[in-house]
Amino acid sequence: MRAALPRRTRTGPRGRQGACTRPRHPGLRHGRPPDPVPGPGSRPVRHRALPRRSNRSGDRPPPPLTLGPCSHATADASVLLDDLADRDRYPHRDEVVAYLTAYADRSDAEIRTGCRVSAVRRTGAGFEVELDGGDRLSARAVVAASGTFGRPHRPVLPGLEEFTGQVLHAADYRSPAPFTGRRVVVVGAGNSAVQIAVELAETARVTLATRGPVKFVAQRVLGRDLHFWLTRIGLDTAPLGRFLSRPPAQPVLDDGRYRATLAAGQPERRPLFTGAGGTKLVWPDGQREEVDAIVLATGYRPDLPYLARLNGALDAEGDPRHREGLATNVPGLAFVGLEWQRSLSSNSLRGVGRDAERIAWRLAAPLARR
């Protein structure tokens, strides 16, 4: 879900080139954690990034290492977003970019972008982090903060492997222009699926294919944005993640326009196709139809292959094994920015700081005893 940045928030830089940070914060040596690690935004990223230097002297263990587009700092939105006259609205793209840039400039951390972590290995009581170029860094703890949006999810769909038309994920969708006049099927029932389908329907023949009805929720309730009420009633921060084996499907935020366009058949909604062959899809009623392109708006999964060599860090599907961000089988490993890591807002700018603060405290205590 999107949300307007509050007057005071903790967040951090994120972009297509990740960042790895090593905090310059004396609190870690005295059992006090650094300020919250900022977290993910709304665009997919890959894991990359490492600190500018490592401690190879052996005099004392190196500090924790954060892998991902994050840094340790506190940012005051009321200062960084002074130019926003109306705070009861979603900030524009350029405002978010400026906010995150200012956050990075103020952070008390070393940030290196454009790096890729290829592997993390256990070395005694710590970790060794290997870069694609062959360099190696050591750390007492590792925080995987590359978020939830790094791996586009492509579910197994009936006949999709036999379909010879164009297939792309929503991560690769940029504009409706290339699809003008074409027959397009959008798969999914979430916000991205509905928004893309509605946009495409202005210039193409579009079907929104879903396993069940699209669920809508009002964008504004009693004159205030839904996120205001989620925060007010406490649902935004309620620690419900521990009870969920899988994140629940998100309803479509709507001010009435999306529900109306679907009701008008622009685009039409149909049950998911049951097969495919060549450039034709087979619908549940047996109809076979020529289709030019399929857009998979089917979500994302954490992209954590660099943790594959840490025994027990990931499950068979590559998802992290954790409890509220702390790895369950690998001491010293933690995560930040996962969907429902602890609460509804865990993988958003408005909520990741709370989880990061908890992780910092939990990691700091054992590190201080070493």
Protein backbone atom coordinates (compact mmCIF):
# COMPACT_ATOMS: atom_id res chain seq x y z
CA MET A 1 0.00 0.00 0.00
CA ARG A 2 1.04 3.53 -0.57
CA ALA A 3 0.92 6.07 2.19
CA ALA A 4 1.61 9.74 2.67
CA LEU A 5 4.76 10.35 4.64
CA PRO A 6 3.89 11.46 8.17
CA ARG A 7 5.20 14.64 9.72
CA ARG A 8 7.88 12.68 11.48
CA THR A 9 9.15 9.48 9.95
CA ARG A 10 12.16 7.29 9.71
CA THR A 11 13.03 6.03 6.32
CA GLY A 12 15.94 5.73 3.96
CA PRO A 13 17.35 5.68 0.47
CA ARG A 14 16.33 3.03 -1.98
CA GLY A 15 16.81 2.66 -5.67
CA ARG A 16 17.78 0.32 -8.45
CA GLN A 17 21.33 0.27 -7.11
CA GLY A 18 21.30 -0.91 -3.55
CA ALA A 19 23.56 0.22 -0.76
CA CYS A 20 25.43 -1.59 1.91
CA THR A 21 26.14 0.19 5.12
CA ARG A 22 28.49 -0.26 8.01
CA PRO A 23 27.36 1.99 10.89
CA ARG A 24 29.76 4.39 12.54
CA HIS A 25 27.82 4.25 15.76
CA PRO A 26 29.54 3.74 19.12
CA GLY A 27 26.29 2.58 20.69
CA LEU A 28 26.82 -0.90 19.29
CA ARG A 29 29.90 -1.30 21.45
CA HIS A 30 27.95 -0.27 24.54
CA GLY A 31 24.83 -2.34 24.00
CA ARG A 32 22.82 0.53 22.51
CA PRO A 33 21.59 0.17 18.93
CA PRO A 34 21.92 2.71 16.16
CA ASP A 35 18.92 4.58 14.86
CA PRO A 36 16.51 2.55 12.75
CA VAL A 37 17.61 1.19 9.43
CA PRO A 38 15.53 2.64 6.62
CA GLY A 39 13.85 0.30 4.23
CA PRO A 40 12.10 -0.39 1.01
CA GLY A 41 10.13 1.83 -1.33
CA SER A 42 7.74 0.79 -4.05
CA ARG A 43 10.10 -0.13 -6.88
CA PRO A 44 11.87 -3.47 -7.31
CA VAL A 45 15.60 -3.55 -6.43
CA ARG A 46 18.34 -6.12 -6.49
CA HIS A 47 20.81 -6.88 -3.76
CA ARG A 48 24.10 -5.05 -4.16
CA ALA A 49 26.25 -2.85 -2.07
CA LEU A 50 28.95 -2.89 0.42
CA PRO A 51 30.92 -0.59 2.69
CA ARG A 52 33.90 1.40 1.54
CA ARG A 53 36.30 -0.34 3.83
CA SER A 54 36.51 -3.29 6.18
CA ASN A 55 38.55 -3.99 9.27
CA ARG A 56 41.23 -6.45 8.26
CA SER A 57 43.60 -5.70 11.11
CA GLY A 58 42.23 -8.44 13.33
CA ASP A 59 42.54 -6.21 16.42
CA ARG A 60 38.82 -6.39 17.02
CA PRO A 61 35.84 -7.83 15.16
CA PRO A 62 34.31 -5.60 12.48
CA PRO A 63 30.90 -4.03 13.08
CA PRO A 64 27.67 -5.37 11.59
CA LEU A 65 27.12 -5.15 7.87
CA THR A 66 23.83 -4.18 6.25
CA LEU A 67 23.19 -5.58 2.78
CA GLY A 68 20.63 -3.63 0.82
CA PRO A 69 19.56 -0.10 -0.03
CA CYS A 70 19.69 1.17 3.53
CA SER A 71 21.60 3.28 6.00
CA HIS A 72 21.48 3.98 9.74
CA ALA A 73 20.10 7.42 10.50
CA THR A 74 17.16 9.37 11.75
CA ALA A 75 15.36 11.74 9.41
CA ASP A 76 12.72 14.26 10.34
CA ALA A 77 10.15 14.55 7.57
CA SER A 78 8.96 17.90 8.93
CA VAL A 79 12.43 19.25 8.11
CA LEU A 80 13.18 17.34 4.91
CA LEU A 81 9.71 17.91 3.42
CA ASP A 82 9.17 21.55 4.38
CA ASP A 83 8.15 22.37 0.82
CA LEU A 84 5.08 20.14 1.09
CA ALA A 85 2.20 22.47 1.80
CA ASP A 86 -0.41 19.73 2.10
CA ARG A 87 0.76 16.77 4.17
CA ASP A 88 -2.54 14.95 3.81
CA ARG A 89 -1.67 13.72 0.35
CA TYR A 90 0.76 11.31 -1.26
CA PRO A 91 4.12 12.92 -2.05
CA HIS A 92 5.05 13.07 -5.71
CA ARG A 93 7.91 11.04 -7.13
CA ASP A 94 10.40 13.91 -7.09
CA GLU A 95 9.49 14.74 -3.50
CA VAL A 96 10.20 11.17 -2.41
CA VAL A 97 13.50 11.17 -4.31
CA ALA A 98 14.51 14.44 -2.64
CA TYR A 99 13.50 13.09 0.76
CA LEU A 100 15.56 9.92 0.38
CA THR A 101 18.54 11.81 -1.04
CA ALA A 102 18.52 14.15 1.94
CA TYR A 103 18.18 11.16 4.25
CA ALA A 104 21.26 9.54 2.77
CA ASP A 105 23.22 12.79 3.01
CA ARG A 106 22.40 13.08 6.71
CA SER A 107 23.04 9.44 7.59
CA ASP A 108 25.86 8.48 9.91
CA ALA A 109 26.96 5.52 7.81
CA GLU A 110 29.23 4.59 4.96
CA ILE A 111 27.19 3.80 1.85
CA ARG A 112 28.50 2.23 -1.33
CA THR A 113 26.16 1.79 -4.30
CA GLY A 114 26.56 -0.22 -7.48
CA CYS A 115 28.02 -3.28 -5.75
CA ARG A 116 26.64 -6.81 -5.80
CA VAL A 117 26.90 -9.32 -3.00
CA SER A 118 27.41 -12.79 -4.42
CA ALA A 119 27.59 -14.83 -1.22
CA VAL A 120 27.53 -14.63 2.57
CA ARG A 121 29.30 -17.39 4.52
CA ARG A 122 29.65 -18.23 8.17
CA THR A 123 33.18 -17.84 9.55
CA GLY A 124 33.39 -18.86 13.18
CA ALA A 125 31.41 -16.34 15.21
CA GLY A 126 30.98 -13.95 12.29
CA PHE A 127 30.40 -13.76 8.56
CA GLU A 128 32.37 -13.35 5.36
CA VAL A 129 30.71 -11.37 2.57
CA GLU A 130 31.91 -11.95 -0.97
CA LEU A 131 31.49 -9.42 -3.79
CA ASP A 132 31.13 -10.25 -7.46
CA GLY A 133 34.58 -8.83 -8.11
CA GLY A 134 36.13 -11.26 -5.63
CA ASP A 135 36.68 -8.89 -2.70
CA ARG A 136 35.76 -10.23 0.72
CA LEU A 137 34.60 -8.41 3.83
CA SER A 138 34.06 -9.65 7.36
CA ALA A 139 31.32 -8.73 9.81
CA ARG A 140 30.00 -9.78 13.19
CA ALA A 141 26.38 -9.56 12.04
CA VAL A 142 24.56 -9.20 8.73
CA VAL A 143 21.24 -7.49 8.04
CA ALA A 144 19.67 -8.42 4.71
CA ALA A 145 17.77 -5.22 3.94
CA SER A 146 17.13 -5.72 0.24
CA GLY A 147 13.40 -5.87 0.85
CA THR A 148 10.56 -7.82 -0.74
CA PHE A 149 10.49 -6.52 -4.30
CA GLY A 150 13.66 -7.94 -5.84
CA ARG A 151 12.28 -11.10 -7.44
CA PRO A 152 9.23 -10.83 -9.73
CA HIS A 153 6.96 -13.76 -8.95
CA ARG A 154 5.92 -15.84 -11.96
CA PRO A 155 3.41 -18.43 -10.75
CA VAL A 156 2.71 -21.67 -12.57
CA LEU A 157 -0.32 -20.96 -14.75
CA PRO A 158 -2.18 -23.45 -16.95
CA GLY A 159 -0.65 -23.59 -20.41
CA LEU A 160 1.57 -20.55 -19.96
CA GLU A 161 4.69 -22.43 -21.06
CA GLU A 162 2.98 -23.29 -24.36
CA PHE A 163 1.91 -19.69 -25.03
CA THR A 164 4.05 -18.18 -27.81
CA GLY A 165 2.84 -14.59 -27.58
CA GLN A 166 4.49 -11.90 -25.49
CA VAL A 167 4.68 -12.54 -21.73
CA LEU A 168 6.02 -9.91 -19.34
CA HIS A 169 5.87 -9.22 -15.65
CA ALA A 170 4.47 -5.98 -14.27
CA ALA A 171 8.04 -5.15 -13.21
CA ASP A 172 8.85 -4.70 -16.91
CA TYR A 173 5.71 -2.73 -17.80
CA ARG A 174 6.37 0.94 -18.47
CA SER A 175 3.48 2.42 -20.48
CA PRO A 176 0.48 1.39 -22.58
CA ALA A 177 1.98 2.74 -25.80
CA PRO A 178 3.53 -0.54 -27.07
CA PHE A 179 0.19 -2.32 -26.63
CA THR A 180 -2.02 0.10 -28.56
CA GLY A 181 -4.62 -1.81 -30.59
CA ARG A 182 -3.49 -5.21 -29.27
CA ARG A 183 -5.32 -7.94 -27.34
CA VAL A 184 -3.90 -8.07 -23.81
CA VAL A 185 -4.64 -10.21 -20.76
CA VAL A 186 -3.53 -8.95 -17.35
CA VAL A 187 -3.23 -11.65 -14.68
CA GLY A 188 -3.78 -10.64 -11.06
CA ALA A 189 -6.29 -9.07 -8.69
CA GLY A 190 -4.15 -6.60 -6.74
CA ASN A 191 -3.47 -2.90 -7.06
CA SER A 192 -0.86 -3.19 -9.83
CA ALA A 193 -3.03 -5.57 -11.87
CA VAL A 194 -6.10 -3.36 -11.75
CA GLN A 195 -4.18 -0.13 -12.35
CA ILE A 196 -2.30 -1.57 -15.35
CA ALA A 197 -5.44 -3.14 -16.81
CA VAL A 198 -7.43 0.09 -16.51
CA GLU A 199 -4.61 2.09 -18.10
CA LEU A 200 -4.20 -0.39 -20.96
CA ALA A 201 -7.94 -0.47 -21.61
CA GLU A 202 -7.78 3.09 -22.89
CA THR A 203 -5.83 1.98 -25.98
CA ALA A 204 -6.11 -1.83 -26.14
CA ARG A 205 -8.64 -4.67 -25.75
CA VAL A 206 -7.98 -5.88 -22.22
CA THR A 207 -9.14 -8.68 -19.96
CA LEU A 208 -8.28 -8.84 -16.28
CA ALA A 209 -7.91 -12.56 -15.49
CA THR A 210 -8.28 -13.49 -11.81
CA ARG A 211 -8.83 -16.61 -9.70
CA GLY A 212 -11.64 -14.86 -7.82
CA PRO A 213 -13.49 -11.56 -7.57
CA VAL A 214 -11.46 -8.37 -7.19
CA LYS A 215 -11.72 -7.03 -3.64
CA PHE A 216 -11.87 -3.25 -3.21
CA VAL A 217 -11.39 -1.04 -0.17
CA ALA A 218 -12.22 2.65 -0.02
CA GLN A 219 -9.21 4.94 -0.40
CA ARG A 220 -10.79 7.58 1.82
CA VAL A 221 -13.03 6.98 4.82
CA LEU A 222 -14.88 9.81 6.60
CA GLY A 223 -12.80 12.35 4.71
CA ARG A 224 -9.40 10.89 5.63
CA ASP A 225 -7.09 8.52 3.77
CA LEU A 226 -7.35 4.86 4.73
CA HIS A 227 -3.80 4.88 6.09
CA PHE A 228 -4.77 7.55 8.60
CA TRP A 229 -7.33 5.16 10.07
CA LEU A 230 -4.99 2.16 9.91
CA THR A 231 -2.56 4.16 12.02
CA ARG A 232 -5.24 5.56 14.33
CA ILE A 233 -6.74 2.16 15.18
CA GLY A 234 -3.34 0.52 15.50
CA LEU A 235 -3.65 -2.01 12.67
CA ASP A 236 -0.69 -0.46 10.86
CA THR A 237 1.66 -1.44 13.69
CA ALA A 238 -0.09 -4.46 15.21
CA PRO A 239 2.45 -7.34 15.41
CA LEU A 240 0.38 -9.83 13.41
CA GLY A 241 3.10 -11.06 11.08
CA ARG A 242 4.10 -13.91 13.38
CA PHE A 243 0.66 -15.48 12.88
CA LEU A 244 0.77 -15.45 9.07
CA SER A 245 2.37 -18.31 7.16
CA ARG A 246 1.89 -16.31 3.95
CA PRO A 247 1.15 -12.58 3.52
CA PRO A 248 -2.56 -12.11 2.78
CA ALA A 249 -3.73 -10.69 -0.54
CA GLN A 250 -3.98 -6.91 -0.54
CA PRO A 251 -7.31 -5.37 -1.58
CA VAL A 252 -7.38 -2.72 -4.29
CA LEU A 253 -7.38 0.84 -2.93
CA ASP A 254 -10.08 2.66 -4.80
CA ASP A 255 -11.75 6.07 -4.83
CA GLY A 256 -14.56 4.59 -6.91
CA ARG A 257 -13.03 4.85 -10.35
CA TYR A 258 -11.55 1.35 -10.60
CA ARG A 259 -14.71 -0.38 -9.44
CA ALA A 260 -16.70 1.68 -11.96
CA THR A 261 -14.42 0.92 -14.91
CA LEU A 262 -14.47 -2.81 -14.18
CA ALA A 263 -18.25 -2.74 -13.82
CA ALA A 264 -18.40 -1.07 -17.24
CA GLY A 265 -16.20 -3.77 -18.79
CA GLN A 266 -13.25 -1.45 -19.41
CA PRO A 267 -11.43 -3.75 -18.81
CA GLU A 268 -13.57 -6.84 -18.56
CA ARG A 269 -12.87 -9.35 -15.80
CA ARG A 270 -12.88 -13.07 -16.46
CA PRO A 271 -11.86 -16.18 -14.52
CA LEU A 272 -8.28 -17.27 -15.14
CA PHE A 273 -7.68 -19.11 -18.40
CA THR A 274 -7.44 -22.89 -18.23
CA GLY A 275 -4.91 -23.53 -20.98
CA ALA A 276 -2.95 -22.13 -23.87
CA GLY A 277 -1.50 -23.16 -27.19
CA GLY A 278 0.47 -21.04 -29.59
CA THR A 279 -0.99 -17.54 -29.38
CA LYS A 280 -4.39 -18.69 -28.14
CA LEU A 281 -5.73 -18.89 -24.60
CA VAL A 282 -8.46 -21.28 -23.50
CA TRP A 283 -11.09 -19.77 -21.20
CA PRO A 284 -13.12 -21.78 -18.64
CA ASP A 285 -16.16 -21.83 -20.95
CA GLY A 286 -14.09 -23.55 -23.64
CA GLN A 287 -13.64 -20.49 -25.83
CA ARG A 288 -10.26 -20.23 -27.55
CA GLU A 289 -9.09 -16.70 -28.22
CA GLU A 290 -6.12 -15.14 -29.98
CA VAL A 291 -4.09 -13.01 -27.54
CA ASP A 292 -1.10 -10.80 -28.28
CA ALA A 293 0.35 -10.33 -24.79
CA ILE A 294 0.01 -11.47 -21.17
CA VAL A 295 1.03 -9.15 -18.33
CA LEU A 296 1.72 -10.95 -15.05
CA ALA A 297 0.86 -8.61 -12.19
CA THR A 298 1.51 -11.41 -9.72
CA GLY A 299 3.68 -9.76 -7.10
CA TYR A 300 7.23 -10.18 -5.88
CA ARG A 301 9.29 -12.34 -3.55
CA PRO A 302 12.47 -11.57 -1.58
CA ASP A 303 15.59 -11.93 -3.72
CA LEU A 304 18.15 -13.49 -1.38
CA PRO A 305 20.33 -15.97 -3.30
CA TYR A 306 23.41 -14.51 -1.63
CA LEU A 307 22.26 -16.19 1.60
CA ALA A 308 21.95 -19.65 0.06
CA ARG A 309 25.27 -20.81 1.58
CA LEU A 310 24.08 -20.06 5.10
CA ASN A 311 22.56 -23.36 6.13
CA GLY A 312 18.98 -22.82 7.28
CA ALA A 313 18.71 -19.15 6.28
CA LEU A 314 16.24 -19.81 3.44
CA ASP A 315 13.49 -22.33 2.82
CA ALA A 316 13.11 -24.49 -0.28
CA GLU A 317 11.46 -21.61 -2.18
CA GLY A 318 14.22 -19.13 -1.33
CA ASP A 319 12.19 -17.24 1.25
CA PRO A 320 13.83 -16.22 4.55
CA ARG A 321 13.30 -18.26 7.69
CA HIS A 322 12.79 -15.71 10.40
CA ARG A 323 10.68 -14.59 13.31
CA GLU A 324 9.93 -10.88 13.22
CA GLY A 325 13.11 -10.29 11.24
CA LEU A 326 15.58 -12.40 13.21
CA ALA A 327 16.82 -15.50 11.39
CA THR A 328 15.57 -18.57 13.22
CA ASN A 329 18.52 -20.82 12.34
CA VAL A 330 21.45 -18.44 11.80
CA PRO A 331 22.54 -16.38 14.84
CA GLY A 332 23.71 -12.89 13.86
CA LEU A 333 21.60 -12.76 10.68
CA ALA A 334 18.56 -10.51 10.44
CA PHE A 335 16.19 -9.09 7.85
CA VAL A 336 14.54 -5.71 7.31
CA GLY A 337 11.80 -4.69 4.90
CA LEU A 338 10.00 -8.01 4.45
CA GLU A 339 6.28 -8.06 3.77
CA TRP A 340 4.45 -8.58 7.07
CA GLN A 341 7.83 -9.05 8.78
CA ARG A 342 6.09 -7.85 11.92
CA SER A 343 3.16 -5.69 10.85
CA LEU A 344 1.15 -4.42 7.89
CA SER A 345 3.61 -1.55 7.35
CA SER A 346 6.83 -3.58 7.67
CA ASN A 347 7.80 -3.29 4.01
CA SER A 348 6.89 0.38 3.60
CA LEU A 349 8.69 3.64 4.25
CA ARG A 350 6.24 4.49 6.99
CA GLY A 351 6.85 1.32 8.98
CA VAL A 352 10.26 -0.20 8.31
CA GLY A 353 12.00 2.02 10.87
CA ARG A 354 10.09 0.43 13.74
CA ASP A 355 11.21 -3.05 12.70
CA ALA A 356 14.77 -1.86 12.16
CA GLU A 357 14.89 -0.42 15.65
CA ARG A 358 13.82 -3.75 17.12
CA ILE A 359 16.37 -5.62 15.01
CA ALA A 360 19.14 -3.24 16.05
CA TRP A 361 18.36 -3.81 19.73
CA ARG A 362 18.21 -7.58 19.31
CA LEU A 363 21.51 -7.71 17.43
CA ALA A 364 23.29 -5.20 19.66
CA ALA A 365 22.96 -7.16 22.90
CA PRO A 366 24.94 -10.26 21.88
CA LEU A 367 27.46 -8.15 19.94
CA ALA A 368 28.16 -6.05 23.04
CA ARG A 369 29.01 -9.18 25.00
CA ARG A 370 31.68 -10.30 22.53
